[in-house]
Amino acid sequence: MEKTLGAMLVQLTRAPTPRKADPHRKAREEAKKLAAAHGVEIKRLKDGGFNVWPPKGFAGEDAHEGDHFAHDYSEVLEHVQAYVPA
């Protein structure tokens, strides 16, 4: 019983494992916020990456015409910003 209690105490007092850094967190949050506010569609692809589509009725020049693919959220943010009026 002492072994079990000791193991439980060690487990309770052990420091939590540190989280892995998320290098795209800031870009992801900003992209999602802008996309929601302006009707831009961000679609995660099954095999990795994203497609970013302009809002319905987008009248501006599509800088990503024919290539709406983005590898990560840093690129997604660039695509979304291209569709959002300044």
C-alpha atoms as a PDB file:
ATOM      1  CA  MET A   1       0.000   0.000   0.000  1.00  0.00           C
ATOM      2  CA  GLU A   2       2.874   2.373   0.736  1.00  0.00           C
ATOM      3  CA  LYS A   3       4.184   1.884  -2.797  1.00  0.00           C
ATOM      4  CA  THR A   4       0.829   2.800  -4.293  1.00  0.00           C
ATOM      5  CA  LEU A   5       0.433   5.833  -2.055  1.00  0.00           C
ATOM      6  CA  GLY A   6       3.993   6.940  -2.843  1.00  0.00           C
ATOM      7  CA  ALA A   7       3.399   6.567  -6.578  1.00  0.00           C
ATOM      8  CA  MET A   8       0.202   8.588  -6.305  1.00  0.00           C
ATOM      9  CA  LEU A   9       1.974  11.349  -4.385  1.00  0.00           C
ATOM     10  CA  VAL A  10       4.755  11.508  -6.960  1.00  0.00           C
ATOM     11  CA  GLN A  11       2.199  11.736  -9.752  1.00  0.00           C
ATOM     12  CA  LEU A  12       0.283  14.515  -7.970  1.00  0.00           C
ATOM     13  CA  THR A  13       3.369  16.607  -7.214  1.00  0.00           C
ATOM     14  CA  ARG A  14       5.059  16.196 -10.594  1.00  0.00           C
ATOM     15  CA  ALA A  15       5.249  19.317 -12.735  1.00  0.00           C
ATOM     16  CA  PRO A  16       2.946  19.246 -15.759  1.00  0.00           C
ATOM     17  CA  THR A  17       4.551  18.470 -19.080  1.00  0.00           C
ATOM     18  CA  PRO A  18       5.215  21.674 -20.988  1.00  0.00           C
ATOM     19  CA  ARG A  19       3.065  22.450 -24.015  1.00  0.00           C
ATOM     20  CA  LYS A  20       4.628  22.450 -27.424  1.00  0.00           C
ATOM     21  CA  ALA A  21       4.925  25.916 -28.902  1.00  0.00           C
ATOM     22  CA  ASP A  22       2.369  26.810 -31.564  1.00  0.00           C
ATOM     23  CA  PRO A  23       4.182  29.008 -34.095  1.00  0.00           C
ATOM     24  CA  HIS A  24       0.978  29.731 -36.050  1.00  0.00           C
ATOM     25  CA  ARG A  25      -1.303  30.626 -33.135  1.00  0.00           C
ATOM     26  CA  LYS A  26      -1.292  34.384 -33.666  1.00  0.00           C
ATOM     27  CA  ALA A  27      -1.789  34.064 -37.444  1.00  0.00           C
ATOM     28  CA  ARG A  28      -4.566  31.456 -36.970  1.00  0.00           C
ATOM     29  CA  GLU A  29      -6.488  33.617 -34.513  1.00  0.00           C
ATOM     30  CA  GLU A  30      -6.189  36.713 -36.707  1.00  0.00           C
ATOM     31  CA  ALA A  31      -7.124  34.832 -39.906  1.00  0.00           C
ATOM     32  CA  LYS A  32     -10.197  33.243 -38.325  1.00  0.00           C
ATOM     33  CA  LYS A  33     -11.311  36.570 -36.855  1.00  0.00           C
ATOM     34  CA  LEU A  34     -10.965  38.424 -40.176  1.00  0.00           C
ATOM     35  CA  ALA A  35     -12.536  35.582 -42.159  1.00  0.00           C
ATOM     36  CA  ALA A  36     -15.581  35.474 -39.888  1.00  0.00           C
ATOM     37  CA  ALA A  37     -16.036  39.238 -40.030  1.00  0.00           C
ATOM     38  CA  HIS A  38     -15.792  39.449 -43.847  1.00  0.00           C
ATOM     39  CA  GLY A  39     -17.257  36.158 -45.075  1.00  0.00           C
ATOM     40  CA  VAL A  40     -13.975  34.609 -46.278  1.00  0.00           C
ATOM     41  CA  GLU A  41     -14.061  30.797 -46.280  1.00  0.00           C
ATOM     42  CA  ILE A  42     -11.127  28.825 -44.858  1.00  0.00           C
ATOM     43  CA  LYS A  43     -11.362  25.122 -45.614  1.00  0.00           C
ATOM     44  CA  ARG A  44      -8.920  22.652 -44.030  1.00  0.00           C
ATOM     45  CA  LEU A  45      -7.939  19.925 -46.467  1.00  0.00           C
ATOM     46  CA  LYS A  46      -7.819  16.251 -45.456  1.00  0.00           C
ATOM     47  CA  ASP A  47      -4.260  15.732 -46.734  1.00  0.00           C
ATOM     48  CA  GLY A  48      -2.939  18.948 -45.161  1.00  0.00           C
ATOM     49  CA  GLY A  49      -3.059  22.612 -46.006  1.00  0.00           C
ATOM     50  CA  PHE A  50      -6.023  24.892 -46.624  1.00  0.00           C
ATOM     51  CA  ASN A  51      -8.071  26.433 -49.383  1.00  0.00           C
ATOM     52  CA  VAL A  52      -9.035  30.064 -48.854  1.00  0.00           C
ATOM     53  CA  TRP A  53     -12.007  31.340 -50.847  1.00  0.00           C
ATOM     54  CA  PRO A  54     -13.091  34.971 -51.243  1.00  0.00           C
ATOM     55  CA  PRO A  55     -16.442  36.093 -49.865  1.00  0.00           C
ATOM     56  CA  LYS A  56     -19.501  35.656 -52.067  1.00  0.00           C
ATOM     57  CA  GLY A  57     -19.900  38.620 -54.373  1.00  0.00           C
ATOM     58  CA  PHE A  58     -16.221  39.599 -54.116  1.00  0.00           C
ATOM     59  CA  ALA A  59     -15.767  42.334 -56.731  1.00  0.00           C
ATOM     60  CA  GLY A  60     -12.061  43.070 -56.321  1.00  0.00           C
ATOM     61  CA  GLU A  61      -9.135  41.530 -58.151  1.00  0.00           C
ATOM     62  CA  ASP A  62      -8.475  38.013 -56.897  1.00  0.00           C
ATOM     63  CA  ALA A  63      -4.729  37.898 -56.268  1.00  0.00           C
ATOM     64  CA  HIS A  64      -4.995  34.133 -55.739  1.00  0.00           C
ATOM     65  CA  GLU A  65      -7.095  33.300 -58.804  1.00  0.00           C
ATOM     66  CA  GLY A  66      -6.489  29.655 -59.711  1.00  0.00           C
ATOM     67  CA  ASP A  67      -4.393  28.964 -56.599  1.00  0.00           C
ATOM     68  CA  HIS A  68      -6.347  29.284 -53.350  1.00  0.00           C
ATOM     69  CA  PHE A  69      -4.103  26.768 -51.534  1.00  0.00           C
ATOM     70  CA  ALA A  70      -2.170  27.750 -48.398  1.00  0.00           C
ATOM     71  CA  HIS A  71       0.285  25.489 -46.544  1.00  0.00           C
ATOM     72  CA  ASP A  72      -0.127  26.937 -43.053  1.00  0.00           C
ATOM     73  CA  TYR A  73      -1.951  29.648 -41.142  1.00  0.00           C
ATOM     74  CA  SER A  74       0.697  32.260 -41.962  1.00  0.00           C
ATOM     75  CA  GLU A  75      -0.205  31.841 -45.632  1.00  0.00           C
ATOM     76  CA  VAL A  76      -3.918  31.625 -44.801  1.00  0.00           C
ATOM     77  CA  LEU A  77      -3.658  35.014 -43.103  1.00  0.00           C
ATOM     78  CA  GLU A  78      -2.030  36.506 -46.213  1.00  0.00           C
ATOM     79  CA  HIS A  79      -4.844  35.144 -48.397  1.00  0.00           C
ATOM     80  CA  VAL A  80      -7.556  36.413 -46.055  1.00  0.00           C
ATOM     81  CA  GLN A  81      -5.969  39.867 -45.874  1.00  0.00           C
ATOM     82  CA  ALA A  82      -5.968  40.017 -49.674  1.00  0.00           C
ATOM     83  CA  TYR A  83      -9.763  39.616 -49.634  1.00  0.00           C
ATOM     84  CA  VAL A  84     -10.448  42.059 -46.791  1.00  0.00           C
ATOM     85  CA  PRO A  85     -10.855  45.727 -47.713  1.00  0.00           C
ATOM     86  CA  ALA A  86      -8.124  47.924 -46.219  1.00  0.00           C
END
